[in-house]
């Protein structure tokens, strides 16, 4: 069975950077491969409070065998 793990937006940013580095790609190479500006990759990795969720997901899925599902929201009934 596949292992599932809930992560935060900050975790996605760190994982995207870790996987890019593991593939040996520079930010410029990753940006070209993903069809975005190098600055977008920088923001996706270094600024987890900025909304680059879609790019982070694409990076993680491109540089690993993982699939990112979400977002997940939990509503607690009162």
C-alpha atoms as a PDB file:
ATOM      1  CA  UNK A   1       0.000   0.000   0.000  1.00  0.00           C
ATOM      2  CA  UNK A   2       1.248   3.525  -0.803  1.00  0.00           C
ATOM      3  CA  UNK A   3       2.417   5.574   2.136  1.00  0.00           C
ATOM      4  CA  UNK A   4       0.472   8.818   2.623  1.00  0.00           C
ATOM      5  CA  UNK A   5       1.744  11.827   4.511  1.00  0.00           C
ATOM      6  CA  UNK A   6       0.137  15.189   5.294  1.00  0.00           C
ATOM      7  CA  UNK A   7       2.500  18.125   4.886  1.00  0.00           C
ATOM      8  CA  UNK A   8       2.360  21.902   5.250  1.00  0.00           C
ATOM      9  CA  UNK A   9       2.991  24.534   2.594  1.00  0.00           C
ATOM     10  CA  UNK A  10       6.451  25.081   4.149  1.00  0.00           C
ATOM     11  CA  UNK A  11       7.155  21.347   3.850  1.00  0.00           C
ATOM     12  CA  UNK A  12       6.227  21.407   0.152  1.00  0.00           C
ATOM     13  CA  UNK A  13       8.702  24.232  -0.466  1.00  0.00           C
ATOM     14  CA  UNK A  14      11.506  22.401   1.325  1.00  0.00           C
ATOM     15  CA  UNK A  15      10.735  19.109  -0.417  1.00  0.00           C
ATOM     16  CA  UNK A  16      10.639  20.764  -3.853  1.00  0.00           C
ATOM     17  CA  UNK A  17      14.106  22.227  -3.244  1.00  0.00           C
ATOM     18  CA  UNK A  18      15.475  18.970  -1.818  1.00  0.00           C
ATOM     19  CA  UNK A  19      14.276  16.966  -4.814  1.00  0.00           C
ATOM     20  CA  UNK A  20      15.600  19.508  -7.328  1.00  0.00           C
ATOM     21  CA  UNK A  21      19.009  19.402  -5.671  1.00  0.00           C
ATOM     22  CA  UNK A  22      18.923  15.586  -5.597  1.00  0.00           C
ATOM     23  CA  UNK A  23      18.492  15.558  -9.379  1.00  0.00           C
ATOM     24  CA  UNK A  24      21.509  17.850  -9.728  1.00  0.00           C
ATOM     25  CA  UNK A  25      19.539  20.545 -11.544  1.00  0.00           C
ATOM     26  CA  UNK A  26      20.172  24.243 -11.059  1.00  0.00           C
ATOM     27  CA  UNK A  27      17.239  26.564 -10.563  1.00  0.00           C
ATOM     28  CA  UNK A  28      17.672  27.794 -14.143  1.00  0.00           C
ATOM     29  CA  UNK A  29      17.612  24.221 -15.508  1.00  0.00           C
ATOM     30  CA  UNK A  30      14.529  23.360 -13.460  1.00  0.00           C
ATOM     31  CA  UNK A  31      12.791  26.539 -14.630  1.00  0.00           C
ATOM     32  CA  UNK A  32      13.482  25.752 -18.289  1.00  0.00           C
ATOM     33  CA  UNK A  33      12.254  22.190 -17.851  1.00  0.00           C
ATOM     34  CA  UNK A  34       9.052  23.351 -16.129  1.00  0.00           C
ATOM     35  CA  UNK A  35       8.469  26.265 -18.509  1.00  0.00           C
ATOM     36  CA  UNK A  36       8.594  28.991 -15.861  1.00  0.00           C
ATOM     37  CA  UNK A  37      10.900  31.862 -14.970  1.00  0.00           C
ATOM     38  CA  UNK A  38      13.895  31.143 -12.726  1.00  0.00           C
ATOM     39  CA  UNK A  39      12.491  33.675 -10.258  1.00  0.00           C
ATOM     40  CA  UNK A  40       9.346  31.535  -9.900  1.00  0.00           C
ATOM     41  CA  UNK A  41      11.471  28.556  -8.834  1.00  0.00           C
ATOM     42  CA  UNK A  42      13.290  30.779  -6.321  1.00  0.00           C
ATOM     43  CA  UNK A  43       9.978  31.971  -4.846  1.00  0.00           C
ATOM     44  CA  UNK A  44       8.575  28.422  -4.783  1.00  0.00           C
ATOM     45  CA  UNK A  45      11.572  27.160  -2.798  1.00  0.00           C
ATOM     46  CA  UNK A  46      12.539  30.107  -0.614  1.00  0.00           C
ATOM     47  CA  UNK A  47       9.222  31.797   0.161  1.00  0.00           C
ATOM     48  CA  UNK A  48       6.727  29.243   1.523  1.00  0.00           C
ATOM     49  CA  UNK A  49       4.243  31.976   2.467  1.00  0.00           C
ATOM     50  CA  UNK A  50       3.870  32.970  -1.205  1.00  0.00           C
ATOM     51  CA  UNK A  51       1.240  31.065  -3.140  1.00  0.00           C
ATOM     52  CA  UNK A  52       3.273  28.846  -5.468  1.00  0.00           C
ATOM     53  CA  UNK A  53       1.516  25.609  -4.544  1.00  0.00           C
ATOM     54  CA  UNK A  54       0.918  24.492  -8.132  1.00  0.00           C
ATOM     55  CA  UNK A  55       4.563  24.994  -9.068  1.00  0.00           C
ATOM     56  CA  UNK A  56       5.743  23.208  -5.916  1.00  0.00           C
ATOM     57  CA  UNK A  57       3.480  20.287  -6.769  1.00  0.00           C
ATOM     58  CA  UNK A  58       4.812  20.175 -10.344  1.00  0.00           C
ATOM     59  CA  UNK A  59       8.394  20.268  -9.082  1.00  0.00           C
ATOM     60  CA  UNK A  60       7.842  17.428  -6.612  1.00  0.00           C
ATOM     61  CA  UNK A  61       6.062  15.292  -9.200  1.00  0.00           C
ATOM     62  CA  UNK A  62       8.667  16.046 -11.900  1.00  0.00           C
ATOM     63  CA  UNK A  63      11.709  15.320  -9.754  1.00  0.00           C
ATOM     64  CA  UNK A  64      10.399  12.222  -7.938  1.00  0.00           C
ATOM     65  CA  UNK A  65       7.991   9.323  -8.298  1.00  0.00           C
ATOM     66  CA  UNK A  66       5.620  10.916  -5.783  1.00  0.00           C
ATOM     67  CA  UNK A  67       2.140  12.260  -6.487  1.00  0.00           C
ATOM     68  CA  UNK A  68       0.886  15.282  -4.547  1.00  0.00           C
ATOM     69  CA  UNK A  69      -2.839  15.325  -3.759  1.00  0.00           C
ATOM     70  CA  UNK A  70      -4.698  18.148  -2.112  1.00  0.00           C
ATOM     71  CA  UNK A  71      -5.327  20.678  -0.781  1.00  0.00           C
ATOM     72  CA  UNK A  72      -7.073  19.289   2.244  1.00  0.00           C
ATOM     73  CA  UNK A  73      -9.213  21.278   4.585  1.00  0.00           C
ATOM     74  CA  UNK A  74     -10.747  20.033   7.771  1.00  0.00           C
ATOM     75  CA  UNK A  75     -13.938  21.524   9.143  1.00  0.00           C
ATOM     76  CA  UNK A  76     -14.858  20.726  12.712  1.00  0.00           C
ATOM     77  CA  UNK A  77     -18.561  20.813  13.464  1.00  0.00           C
ATOM     78  CA  UNK A  78     -19.551  22.920  16.474  1.00  0.00           C
END
